[in-house]
Structures are given as C-alpha cells and as structure tokens.
Amino acid sequence: LAIMGKAIDLRESAKRTESQSTSFSYAGG
C-alpha cells in the first residue's frame, strides 16, 4: 500500500506541476 500511495502522490504531484506550467505559459503568452 505504501508503494501504491507513493505512486499516487507522484502522479498527483506531476499533475499539479503540469497545471502550474500550463497556467504560467498561458499567463506569459
């Protein structure tokens, strides 16, 4: 369960990073 939880945390973290990058790119444009 710890491995599964870590994978979920990484995926959620990647989604948040991608969302922030998209927002920054859109705001910069």
mmCIF file of all heavy atoms, coordinates in Angstrom:
data_MODEL
# 
_entry.id   MODEL 
# 
loop_
_atom_site.group_PDB 
_atom_site.id 
_atom_site.type_symbol 
_atom_site.label_atom_id 
_atom_site.label_alt_id 
_atom_site.label_comp_id 
_atom_site.label_asym_id 
_atom_site.label_entity_id 
_atom_site.label_seq_id 
_atom_site.pdbx_PDB_ins_code 
_atom_site.Cartn_x 
_atom_site.Cartn_y 
_atom_site.Cartn_z 
_atom_site.occupancy 
_atom_site.B_iso_or_equiv 
_atom_site.pdbx_formal_charge 
_atom_site.auth_seq_id 
_atom_site.auth_comp_id 
_atom_site.auth_asym_id 
_atom_site.auth_atom_id 
_atom_site.pdbx_PDB_model_num 
ATOM 1   N N   . LEU A 1 1  ? 0.826  -1.209 0.000   1.00 0.00 ? 1  LEU A N   1 
ATOM 2   C CA  . LEU A 1 1  ? 0.000  0.000  0.000   1.00 0.00 ? 1  LEU A CA  1 
ATOM 3   C C   . LEU A 1 1  ? 0.860  1.258  0.000   1.00 0.00 ? 1  LEU A C   1 
ATOM 4   O O   . LEU A 1 1  ? 0.480  2.281  -0.577  1.00 0.00 ? 1  LEU A O   1 
ATOM 5   C CB  . LEU A 1 1  ? -0.917 -0.012 1.225   1.00 0.00 ? 1  LEU A CB  1 
ATOM 6   C CG  . LEU A 1 1  ? -2.023 -1.078 1.219   1.00 0.00 ? 1  LEU A CG  1 
ATOM 7   C CD1 . LEU A 1 1  ? -2.795 -1.043 2.522   1.00 0.00 ? 1  LEU A CD1 1 
ATOM 8   C CD2 . LEU A 1 1  ? -2.966 -0.866 0.044   1.00 0.00 ? 1  LEU A CD2 1 
ATOM 9   N N   . ALA A 1 2  ? 2.015  1.180  0.648   1.00 0.00 ? 2  ALA A N   1 
ATOM 10  C CA  . ALA A 1 2  ? 2.909  2.340  0.644   1.00 0.00 ? 2  ALA A CA  1 
ATOM 11  C C   . ALA A 1 2  ? 3.411  2.635  -0.761  1.00 0.00 ? 2  ALA A C   1 
ATOM 12  O O   . ALA A 1 2  ? 3.510  3.797  -1.187  1.00 0.00 ? 2  ALA A O   1 
ATOM 13  C CB  . ALA A 1 2  ? 4.076  2.088  1.597   1.00 0.00 ? 2  ALA A CB  1 
ATOM 14  N N   . ILE A 1 3  ? 3.740  1.597  -1.522  1.00 0.00 ? 3  ILE A N   1 
ATOM 15  C CA  . ILE A 1 3  ? 4.187  1.787  -2.913  1.00 0.00 ? 3  ILE A CA  1 
ATOM 16  C C   . ILE A 1 3  ? 3.072  2.402  -3.748  1.00 0.00 ? 3  ILE A C   1 
ATOM 17  O O   . ILE A 1 3  ? 3.303  3.335  -4.536  1.00 0.00 ? 3  ILE A O   1 
ATOM 18  C CB  . ILE A 1 3  ? 4.639  0.439  -3.504  1.00 0.00 ? 3  ILE A CB  1 
ATOM 19  C CG1 . ILE A 1 3  ? 5.906  -0.053 -2.776  1.00 0.00 ? 3  ILE A CG1 1 
ATOM 20  C CG2 . ILE A 1 3  ? 4.909  0.567  -4.995  1.00 0.00 ? 3  ILE A CG2 1 
ATOM 21  C CD1 . ILE A 1 3  ? 6.327  -1.455 -3.173  1.00 0.00 ? 3  ILE A CD1 1 
ATOM 22  N N   . MET A 1 4  ? 1.850  1.877  -3.562  1.00 0.00 ? 4  MET A N   1 
ATOM 23  C CA  . MET A 1 4  ? 0.714  2.436  -4.303  1.00 0.00 ? 4  MET A CA  1 
ATOM 24  C C   . MET A 1 4  ? 0.475  3.888  -3.915  1.00 0.00 ? 4  MET A C   1 
ATOM 25  O O   . MET A 1 4  ? 0.227  4.744  -4.772  1.00 0.00 ? 4  MET A O   1 
ATOM 26  C CB  . MET A 1 4  ? -0.540 1.604  -4.032  1.00 0.00 ? 4  MET A CB  1 
ATOM 27  C CG  . MET A 1 4  ? -0.498 0.188  -4.590  1.00 0.00 ? 4  MET A CG  1 
ATOM 28  S SD  . MET A 1 4  ? -1.944 -0.772 -4.118  1.00 0.00 ? 4  MET A SD  1 
ATOM 29  C CE  . MET A 1 4  ? -3.248 0.233  -4.837  1.00 0.00 ? 4  MET A CE  1 
ATOM 30  N N   . GLY A 1 5  ? 0.556  4.158  -2.602  1.00 0.00 ? 5  GLY A N   1 
ATOM 31  C CA  . GLY A 1 5  ? 0.347  5.524  -2.157  1.00 0.00 ? 5  GLY A CA  1 
ATOM 32  C C   . GLY A 1 5  ? 1.405  6.470  -2.698  1.00 0.00 ? 5  GLY A C   1 
ATOM 33  O O   . GLY A 1 5  ? 1.116  7.601  -3.088  1.00 0.00 ? 5  GLY A O   1 
ATOM 34  N N   . LYS A 1 6  ? 2.654  6.007  -2.754  1.00 0.00 ? 6  LYS A N   1 
ATOM 35  C CA  . LYS A 1 6  ? 3.728  6.849  -3.292  1.00 0.00 ? 6  LYS A CA  1 
ATOM 36  C C   . LYS A 1 6  ? 3.520  7.129  -4.766  1.00 0.00 ? 6  LYS A C   1 
ATOM 37  O O   . LYS A 1 6  ? 3.745  8.255  -5.245  1.00 0.00 ? 6  LYS A O   1 
ATOM 38  C CB  . LYS A 1 6  ? 5.066  6.148  -3.065  1.00 0.00 ? 6  LYS A CB  1 
ATOM 39  C CG  . LYS A 1 6  ? 6.278  6.990  -3.424  1.00 0.00 ? 6  LYS A CG  1 
ATOM 40  C CD  . LYS A 1 6  ? 7.563  6.284  -3.041  1.00 0.00 ? 6  LYS A CD  1 
ATOM 41  C CE  . LYS A 1 6  ? 8.775  7.150  -3.354  1.00 0.00 ? 6  LYS A CE  1 
ATOM 42  N NZ  . LYS A 1 6  ? 10.033 6.469  -2.960  1.00 0.00 ? 6  LYS A NZ  1 
ATOM 43  N N   . ALA A 1 7  ? 3.061  6.113  -5.515  1.00 0.00 ? 7  ALA A N   1 
ATOM 44  C CA  . ALA A 1 7  ? 2.782  6.313  -6.942  1.00 0.00 ? 7  ALA A CA  1 
ATOM 45  C C   . ALA A 1 7  ? 1.665  7.315  -7.140  1.00 0.00 ? 7  ALA A C   1 
ATOM 46  O O   . ALA A 1 7  ? 1.714  8.171  -8.041  1.00 0.00 ? 7  ALA A O   1 
ATOM 47  C CB  . ALA A 1 7  ? 2.427  4.965  -7.580  1.00 0.00 ? 7  ALA A CB  1 
ATOM 48  N N   . ILE A 1 8  ? 0.627  7.235  -6.292  1.00 0.00 ? 8  ILE A N   1 
ATOM 49  C CA  . ILE A 1 8  ? -0.477 8.194  -6.407  1.00 0.00 ? 8  ILE A CA  1 
ATOM 50  C C   . ILE A 1 8  ? -0.001 9.598  -6.086  1.00 0.00 ? 8  ILE A C   1 
ATOM 51  O O   . ILE A 1 8  ? -0.370 10.572 -6.762  1.00 0.00 ? 8  ILE A O   1 
ATOM 52  C CB  . ILE A 1 8  ? -1.625 7.774  -5.467  1.00 0.00 ? 8  ILE A CB  1 
ATOM 53  C CG1 . ILE A 1 8  ? -2.243 6.456  -5.942  1.00 0.00 ? 8  ILE A CG1 1 
ATOM 54  C CG2 . ILE A 1 8  ? -2.693 8.854  -5.402  1.00 0.00 ? 8  ILE A CG2 1 
ATOM 55  C CD1 . ILE A 1 8  ? -3.271 5.891  -4.997  1.00 0.00 ? 8  ILE A CD1 1 
ATOM 56  N N   . ASP A 1 9  ? 0.828  9.712  -5.047  1.00 0.00 ? 9  ASP A N   1 
ATOM 57  C CA  . ASP A 1 9  ? 1.349  11.035 -4.702  1.00 0.00 ? 9  ASP A CA  1 
ATOM 58  C C   . ASP A 1 9  ? 2.185  11.617 -5.836  1.00 0.00 ? 9  ASP A C   1 
ATOM 59  O O   . ASP A 1 9  ? 2.098  12.818 -6.142  1.00 0.00 ? 9  ASP A O   1 
ATOM 60  C CB  . ASP A 1 9  ? 2.195  10.945 -3.428  1.00 0.00 ? 9  ASP A CB  1 
ATOM 61  C CG  . ASP A 1 9  ? 1.342  10.751 -2.186  1.00 0.00 ? 9  ASP A CG  1 
ATOM 62  O OD1 . ASP A 1 9  ? 0.147  11.111 -2.239  1.00 0.00 ? 9  ASP A OD1 1 
ATOM 63  O OD2 . ASP A 1 9  ? 1.867  10.239 -1.173  1.00 0.00 ? 9  ASP A OD2 1 
ATOM 64  N N   . LEU A 1 10 ? 3.037  10.780 -6.480  1.00 0.00 ? 10 LEU A N   1 
ATOM 65  C CA  . LEU A 1 10 ? 3.846  11.253 -7.599  1.00 0.00 ? 10 LEU A CA  1 
ATOM 66  C C   . LEU A 1 10 ? 2.979  11.699 -8.759  1.00 0.00 ? 10 LEU A C   1 
ATOM 67  O O   . LEU A 1 10 ? 3.244  12.718 -9.411  1.00 0.00 ? 10 LEU A O   1 
ATOM 68  C CB  . LEU A 1 10 ? 4.816  10.146 -8.033  1.00 0.00 ? 10 LEU A CB  1 
ATOM 69  C CG  . LEU A 1 10 ? 5.945  9.817  -7.038  1.00 0.00 ? 10 LEU A CG  1 
ATOM 70  C CD1 . LEU A 1 10 ? 6.748  8.627  -7.538  1.00 0.00 ? 10 LEU A CD1 1 
ATOM 71  C CD2 . LEU A 1 10 ? 6.849  11.034 -6.855  1.00 0.00 ? 10 LEU A CD2 1 
ATOM 72  N N   . ARG A 1 11 ? 1.915  10.924 -9.022  1.00 0.00 ? 11 ARG A N   1 
ATOM 73  C CA  . ARG A 1 11 ? 1.029  11.292 -10.125 1.00 0.00 ? 11 ARG A CA  1 
ATOM 74  C C   . ARG A 1 11 ? 0.305  12.599 -9.841  1.00 0.00 ? 11 ARG A C   1 
ATOM 75  O O   . ARG A 1 11 ? 0.193  13.472 -10.707 1.00 0.00 ? 11 ARG A O   1 
ATOM 76  C CB  . ARG A 1 11 ? 0.022  10.176 -10.371 1.00 0.00 ? 11 ARG A CB  1 
ATOM 77  C CG  . ARG A 1 11 ? -0.866 10.400 -11.591 1.00 0.00 ? 11 ARG A CG  1 
ATOM 78  C CD  . ARG A 1 11 ? -1.799 9.241  -11.809 1.00 0.00 ? 11 ARG A CD  1 
ATOM 79  N NE  . ARG A 1 11 ? -2.725 9.118  -10.676 1.00 0.00 ? 11 ARG A NE  1 
ATOM 80  C CZ  . ARG A 1 11 ? -3.614 8.126  -10.559 1.00 0.00 ? 11 ARG A CZ  1 
ATOM 81  N NH1 . ARG A 1 11 ? -3.664 7.161  -11.477 1.00 0.00 ? 11 ARG A NH1 1 
ATOM 82  N NH2 . ARG A 1 11 ? -4.418 8.102  -9.514  1.00 0.00 ? 11 ARG A NH2 1 
ATOM 83  N N   . GLU A 1 12 ? -0.159 12.751 -8.610  1.00 0.00 ? 12 GLU A N   1 
ATOM 84  C CA  . GLU A 1 12 ? -0.833 14.000 -8.260  1.00 0.00 ? 12 GLU A CA  1 
ATOM 85  C C   . GLU A 1 12 ? 0.139  15.169 -8.300  1.00 0.00 ? 12 GLU A C   1 
ATOM 86  O O   . GLU A 1 12 ? -0.214 16.275 -8.737  1.00 0.00 ? 12 GLU A O   1 
ATOM 87  C CB  . GLU A 1 12 ? -1.444 13.864 -6.854  1.00 0.00 ? 12 GLU A CB  1 
ATOM 88  C CG  . GLU A 1 12 ? -2.574 12.865 -6.757  1.00 0.00 ? 12 GLU A CG  1 
ATOM 89  C CD  . GLU A 1 12 ? -3.775 13.282 -7.594  1.00 0.00 ? 12 GLU A CD  1 
ATOM 90  O OE1 . GLU A 1 12 ? -4.003 14.496 -7.728  1.00 0.00 ? 12 GLU A OE1 1 
ATOM 91  O OE2 . GLU A 1 12 ? -4.468 12.382 -8.113  1.00 0.00 ? 12 GLU A OE2 1 
ATOM 92  N N   . SER A 1 13 ? 1.370  14.915 -7.871  1.00 0.00 ? 13 SER A N   1 
ATOM 93  C CA  . SER A 1 13 ? 2.368  15.981 -7.925  1.00 0.00 ? 13 SER A CA  1 
ATOM 94  C C   . SER A 1 13 ? 2.676  16.379 -9.356  1.00 0.00 ? 13 SER A C   1 
ATOM 95  O O   . SER A 1 13 ? 2.827  17.570 -9.676  1.00 0.00 ? 13 SER A O   1 
ATOM 96  C CB  . SER A 1 13 ? 3.642  15.524 -7.209  1.00 0.00 ? 13 SER A CB  1 
ATOM 97  O OG  . SER A 1 13 ? 4.649  16.505 -7.291  1.00 0.00 ? 13 SER A OG  1 
ATOM 98  N N   . ALA A 1 14 ? 2.780  15.368 -10.268 1.00 0.00 ? 14 ALA A N   1 
ATOM 99  C CA  . ALA A 1 14 ? 3.027  15.664 -11.676 1.00 0.00 ? 14 ALA A CA  1 
ATOM 100 C C   . ALA A 1 14 ? 1.884  16.447 -12.281 1.00 0.00 ? 14 ALA A C   1 
ATOM 101 O O   . ALA A 1 14 ? 2.089  17.370 -13.086 1.00 0.00 ? 14 ALA A O   1 
ATOM 102 C CB  . ALA A 1 14 ? 3.235  14.349 -12.434 1.00 0.00 ? 14 ALA A CB  1 
ATOM 103 N N   . LYS A 1 15 ? 0.661  16.104 -11.920 1.00 0.00 ? 15 LYS A N   1 
ATOM 104 C CA  . LYS A 1 15 ? -0.494 16.846 -12.435 1.00 0.00 ? 15 LYS A CA  1 
ATOM 105 C C   . LYS A 1 15 ? -0.463 18.294 -11.972 1.00 0.00 ? 15 LYS A C   1 
ATOM 106 O O   . LYS A 1 15 ? -0.745 19.213 -12.745 1.00 0.00 ? 15 LYS A O   1 
ATOM 107 C CB  . LYS A 1 15 ? -1.788 16.178 -11.968 1.00 0.00 ? 15 LYS A CB  1 
ATOM 108 C CG  . LYS A 1 15 ? -2.110 14.880 -12.684 1.00 0.00 ? 15 LYS A CG  1 
ATOM 109 C CD  . LYS A 1 15 ? -3.454 14.340 -12.195 1.00 0.00 ? 15 LYS A CD  1 
ATOM 110 C CE  . LYS A 1 15 ? -3.809 13.063 -12.935 1.00 0.00 ? 15 LYS A CE  1 
ATOM 111 N NZ  . LYS A 1 15 ? -5.115 12.512 -12.466 1.00 0.00 ? 15 LYS A NZ  1 
ATOM 112 N N   . ARG A 1 16 ? -0.120 18.500 -10.696 1.00 0.00 ? 16 ARG A N   1 
ATOM 113 C CA  . ARG A 1 16 ? -0.070 19.875 -10.194 1.00 0.00 ? 16 ARG A CA  1 
ATOM 114 C C   . ARG A 1 16 ? 1.024  20.666 -10.897 1.00 0.00 ? 16 ARG A C   1 
ATOM 115 O O   . ARG A 1 16 ? 0.836  21.845 -11.250 1.00 0.00 ? 16 ARG A O   1 
ATOM 116 C CB  . ARG A 1 16 ? 0.168  19.852 -8.677  1.00 0.00 ? 16 ARG A CB  1 
ATOM 117 C CG  . ARG A 1 16 ? -1.032 19.385 -7.864  1.00 0.00 ? 16 ARG A CG  1 
ATOM 118 C CD  . ARG A 1 16 ? -0.848 19.704 -6.390  1.00 0.00 ? 16 ARG A CD  1 
ATOM 119 N NE  . ARG A 1 16 ? 0.284  18.978 -5.839  1.00 0.00 ? 16 ARG A NE  1 
ATOM 120 C CZ  . ARG A 1 16 ? 0.175  17.783 -5.276  1.00 0.00 ? 16 ARG A CZ  1 
ATOM 121 N NH1 . ARG A 1 16 ? -0.995 17.180 -5.203  1.00 0.00 ? 16 ARG A NH1 1 
ATOM 122 N NH2 . ARG A 1 16 ? 1.239  17.178 -4.779  1.00 0.00 ? 16 ARG A NH2 1 
ATOM 123 N N   . THR A 1 17 ? 2.204  20.011 -11.133 1.00 0.00 ? 17 THR A N   1 
ATOM 124 C CA  . THR A 1 17 ? 3.299  20.701 -11.825 1.00 0.00 ? 17 THR A CA  1 
ATOM 125 C C   . THR A 1 17 ? 2.911  21.052 -13.241 1.00 0.00 ? 17 THR A C   1 
ATOM 126 O O   . THR A 1 17 ? 3.175  22.166 -13.732 1.00 0.00 ? 17 THR A O   1 
ATOM 127 C CB  . THR A 1 17 ? 4.554  19.809 -11.835 1.00 0.00 ? 17 THR A CB  1 
ATOM 128 O OG1 . THR A 1 17 ? 4.907  19.483 -10.476 1.00 0.00 ? 17 THR A OG1 1 
ATOM 129 C CG2 . THR A 1 17 ? 5.709  20.519 -12.495 1.00 0.00 ? 17 THR A CG2 1 
ATOM 130 N N   . GLU A 1 18 ? 2.271  20.116 -13.939 1.00 0.00 ? 18 GLU A N   1 
ATOM 131 C CA  . GLU A 1 18 ? 1.843  20.367 -15.318 1.00 0.00 ? 18 GLU A CA  1 
ATOM 132 C C   . GLU A 1 18 ? 0.792  21.466 -15.378 1.00 0.00 ? 18 GLU A C   1 
ATOM 133 O O   . GLU A 1 18 ? 0.816  22.325 -16.256 1.00 0.00 ? 18 GLU A O   1 
ATOM 134 C CB  . GLU A 1 18 ? 1.275  19.081 -15.902 1.00 0.00 ? 18 GLU A CB  1 
ATOM 135 C CG  . GLU A 1 18 ? 0.855  19.225 -17.368 1.00 0.00 ? 18 GLU A CG  1 
ATOM 136 C CD  . GLU A 1 18 ? 0.313  17.915 -17.913 1.00 0.00 ? 18 GLU A CD  1 
ATOM 137 O OE1 . GLU A 1 18 ? 0.354  16.904 -17.171 1.00 0.00 ? 18 GLU A OE1 1 
ATOM 138 O OE2 . GLU A 1 18 ? -0.144 17.908 -19.059 1.00 0.00 ? 18 GLU A OE2 1 
ATOM 139 N N   . SER A 1 19 ? -0.092 21.469 -14.395 1.00 0.00 ? 19 SER A N   1 
ATOM 140 C CA  . SER A 1 19 ? -1.123 22.501 -14.367 1.00 0.00 ? 19 SER A CA  1 
ATOM 141 C C   . SER A 1 19 ? -0.514 23.860 -14.127 1.00 0.00 ? 19 SER A C   1 
ATOM 142 O O   . SER A 1 19 ? -0.886 24.855 -14.770 1.00 0.00 ? 19 SER A O   1 
ATOM 143 C CB  . SER A 1 19 ? -2.139 22.170 -13.265 1.00 0.00 ? 19 SER A CB  1 
ATOM 144 O OG  . SER A 1 19 ? -3.098 23.193 -13.152 1.00 0.00 ? 19 SER A OG  1 
ATOM 145 N N   . GLN A 1 20 ? 0.481  23.927 -13.216 1.00 0.00 ? 20 GLN A N   1 
ATOM 146 C CA  . GLN A 1 20 ? 1.142  25.208 -12.956 1.00 0.00 ? 20 GLN A CA  1 
ATOM 147 C C   . GLN A 1 20 ? 1.916  25.689 -14.181 1.00 0.00 ? 20 GLN A C   1 
ATOM 148 O O   . GLN A 1 20 ? 1.922  26.869 -14.507 1.00 0.00 ? 20 GLN A O   1 
ATOM 149 C CB  . GLN A 1 20 ? 2.088  25.066 -11.763 1.00 0.00 ? 20 GLN A CB  1 
ATOM 150 C CG  . GLN A 1 20 ? 1.356  24.846 -10.442 1.00 0.00 ? 20 GLN A CG  1 
ATOM 151 C CD  . GLN A 1 20 ? 2.308  24.607 -9.302  1.00 0.00 ? 20 GLN A CD  1 
ATOM 152 O OE1 . GLN A 1 20 ? 3.515  24.561 -9.515  1.00 0.00 ? 20 GLN A OE1 1 
ATOM 153 N NE2 . GLN A 1 20 ? 1.768  24.432 -8.085  1.00 0.00 ? 20 GLN A NE2 1 
ATOM 154 N N   . SER A 1 21 ? 2.598  24.745 -14.901 1.00 0.00 ? 21 SER A N   1 
ATOM 155 C CA  . SER A 1 21 ? 3.355  25.134 -16.097 1.00 0.00 ? 21 SER A CA  1 
ATOM 156 C C   . SER A 1 21 ? 2.425  25.652 -17.177 1.00 0.00 ? 21 SER A C   1 
ATOM 157 O O   . SER A 1 21 ? 2.721  26.645 -17.860 1.00 0.00 ? 21 SER A O   1 
ATOM 158 C CB  . SER A 1 21 ? 4.135  23.923 -16.627 1.00 0.00 ? 21 SER A CB  1 
ATOM 159 O OG  . SER A 1 21 ? 5.049  23.478 -15.646 1.00 0.00 ? 21 SER A OG  1 
ATOM 160 N N   . THR A 1 22 ? 1.312  25.023 -17.352 1.00 0.00 ? 22 THR A N   1 
ATOM 161 C CA  . THR A 1 22 ? 0.346  25.466 -18.364 1.00 0.00 ? 22 THR A CA  1 
ATOM 162 C C   . THR A 1 22 ? -0.189 26.836 -18.024 1.00 0.00 ? 22 THR A C   1 
ATOM 163 O O   . THR A 1 22 ? -0.315 27.720 -18.889 1.00 0.00 ? 22 THR A O   1 
ATOM 164 C CB  . THR A 1 22 ? -0.805 24.452 -18.459 1.00 0.00 ? 22 THR A CB  1 
ATOM 165 O OG1 . THR A 1 22 ? -0.278 23.162 -18.747 1.00 0.00 ? 22 THR A OG1 1 
ATOM 166 C CG2 . THR A 1 22 ? -1.803 24.867 -19.526 1.00 0.00 ? 22 THR A CG2 1 
ATOM 167 N N   . SER A 1 23 ? -0.500 27.035 -16.743 1.00 0.00 ? 23 SER A N   1 
ATOM 168 C CA  . SER A 1 23 ? -1.007 28.343 -16.321 1.00 0.00 ? 23 SER A CA  1 
ATOM 169 C C   . SER A 1 23 ? 0.044  29.414 -16.514 1.00 0.00 ? 23 SER A C   1 
ATOM 170 O O   . SER A 1 23 ? -0.253 30.534 -16.972 1.00 0.00 ? 23 SER A O   1 
ATOM 171 C CB  . SER A 1 23 ? -1.428 28.286 -14.841 1.00 0.00 ? 23 SER A CB  1 
ATOM 172 O OG  . SER A 1 23 ? -2.440 27.320 -14.662 1.00 0.00 ? 23 SER A OG  1 
ATOM 173 N N   . PHE A 1 24 ? 1.317  29.111 -16.231 1.00 0.00 ? 24 PHE A N   1 
ATOM 174 C CA  . PHE A 1 24 ? 2.390  30.090 -16.395 1.00 0.00 ? 24 PHE A CA  1 
ATOM 175 C C   . PHE A 1 24 ? 2.588  30.419 -17.869 1.00 0.00 ? 24 PHE A C   1 
ATOM 176 O O   . PHE A 1 24 ? 2.750  31.589 -18.239 1.00 0.00 ? 24 PHE A O   1 
ATOM 177 C CB  . PHE A 1 24 ? 3.690  29.539 -15.792 1.00 0.00 ? 24 PHE A CB  1 
ATOM 178 C CG  . PHE A 1 24 ? 4.851  30.451 -15.955 1.00 0.00 ? 24 PHE A CG  1 
ATOM 179 C CD1 . PHE A 1 24 ? 5.001  31.567 -15.139 1.00 0.00 ? 24 PHE A CD1 1 
ATOM 180 C CD2 . PHE A 1 24 ? 5.817  30.224 -16.942 1.00 0.00 ? 24 PHE A CD2 1 
ATOM 181 C CE1 . PHE A 1 24 ? 6.077  32.424 -15.297 1.00 0.00 ? 24 PHE A CE1 1 
ATOM 182 C CE2 . PHE A 1 24 ? 6.883  31.091 -17.106 1.00 0.00 ? 24 PHE A CE2 1 
ATOM 183 C CZ  . PHE A 1 24 ? 7.023  32.188 -16.275 1.00 0.00 ? 24 PHE A CZ  1 
ATOM 184 N N   . SER A 1 25 ? 2.554  29.382 -18.713 1.00 0.00 ? 25 SER A N   1 
ATOM 185 C CA  . SER A 1 25 ? 2.732  29.617 -20.149 1.00 0.00 ? 25 SER A CA  1 
ATOM 186 C C   . SER A 1 25 ? 1.600  30.445 -20.697 1.00 0.00 ? 25 SER A C   1 
ATOM 187 O O   . SER A 1 25 ? 1.793  31.365 -21.508 1.00 0.00 ? 25 SER A O   1 
ATOM 188 C CB  . SER A 1 25 ? 2.813  28.273 -20.887 1.00 0.00 ? 25 SER A CB  1 
ATOM 189 O OG  . SER A 1 25 ? 3.916  27.511 -20.421 1.00 0.00 ? 25 SER A OG  1 
ATOM 190 N N   . TYR A 1 26 ? 0.376  30.148 -20.250 1.00 0.00 ? 26 TYR A N   1 
ATOM 191 C CA  . TYR A 1 26 ? -0.779 30.907 -20.749 1.00 0.00 ? 26 TYR A CA  1 
ATOM 192 C C   . TYR A 1 26 ? -0.708 32.346 -20.282 1.00 0.00 ? 26 TYR A C   1 
ATOM 193 O O   . TYR A 1 26 ? -0.936 33.292 -21.047 1.00 0.00 ? 26 TYR A O   1 
ATOM 194 C CB  . TYR A 1 26 ? -2.053 30.244 -20.231 1.00 0.00 ? 26 TYR A CB  1 
ATOM 195 C CG  . TYR A 1 26 ? -3.307 30.968 -20.635 1.00 0.00 ? 26 TYR A CG  1 
ATOM 196 C CD1 . TYR A 1 26 ? -3.811 30.839 -21.939 1.00 0.00 ? 26 TYR A CD1 1 
ATOM 197 C CD2 . TYR A 1 26 ? -3.980 31.801 -19.736 1.00 0.00 ? 26 TYR A CD2 1 
ATOM 198 C CE1 . TYR A 1 26 ? -4.943 31.523 -22.308 1.00 0.00 ? 26 TYR A CE1 1 
ATOM 199 C CE2 . TYR A 1 26 ? -5.113 32.469 -20.103 1.00 0.00 ? 26 TYR A CE2 1 
ATOM 200 C CZ  . TYR A 1 26 ? -5.605 32.325 -21.406 1.00 0.00 ? 26 TYR A CZ  1 
ATOM 201 O OH  . TYR A 1 26 ? -6.743 32.998 -21.774 1.00 0.00 ? 26 TYR A OH  1 
ATOM 202 N N   . ALA A 1 27 ? -0.319 32.544 -19.003 1.00 0.00 ? 27 ALA A N   1 
ATOM 203 C CA  . ALA A 1 27 ? -0.222 33.918 -18.481 1.00 0.00 ? 27 ALA A CA  1 
ATOM 204 C C   . ALA A 1 27 ? 0.899  34.668 -19.178 1.00 0.00 ? 27 ALA A C   1 
ATOM 205 O O   . ALA A 1 27 ? 0.766  35.860 -19.509 1.00 0.00 ? 27 ALA A O   1 
ATOM 206 C CB  . ALA A 1 27 ? 0.023  33.879 -16.965 1.00 0.00 ? 27 ALA A CB  1 
ATOM 207 N N   . GLY A 1 28 ? 2.043  34.011 -19.474 1.00 0.00 ? 28 GLY A N   1 
ATOM 208 C CA  . GLY A 1 28 ? 3.148  34.673 -20.153 1.00 0.00 ? 28 GLY A CA  1 
ATOM 209 C C   . GLY A 1 28 ? 2.774  35.048 -21.588 1.00 0.00 ? 28 GLY A C   1 
ATOM 210 O O   . GLY A 1 28 ? 3.149  36.106 -22.093 1.00 0.00 ? 28 GLY A O   1 
ATOM 211 N N   . GLY A 1 29 ? 2.037  34.191 -22.266 1.00 0.00 ? 29 GLY A N   1 
ATOM 212 C CA  . GLY A 1 29 ? 1.594  34.497 -23.626 1.00 0.00 ? 29 GLY A CA  1 
ATOM 213 C C   . GLY A 1 29 ? 0.664  35.681 -23.651 1.00 0.00 ? 29 GLY A C   1 
ATOM 214 O O   . GLY A 1 29 ? 0.743  36.533 -24.551 1.00 0.00 ? 29 GLY A O   1 
# 
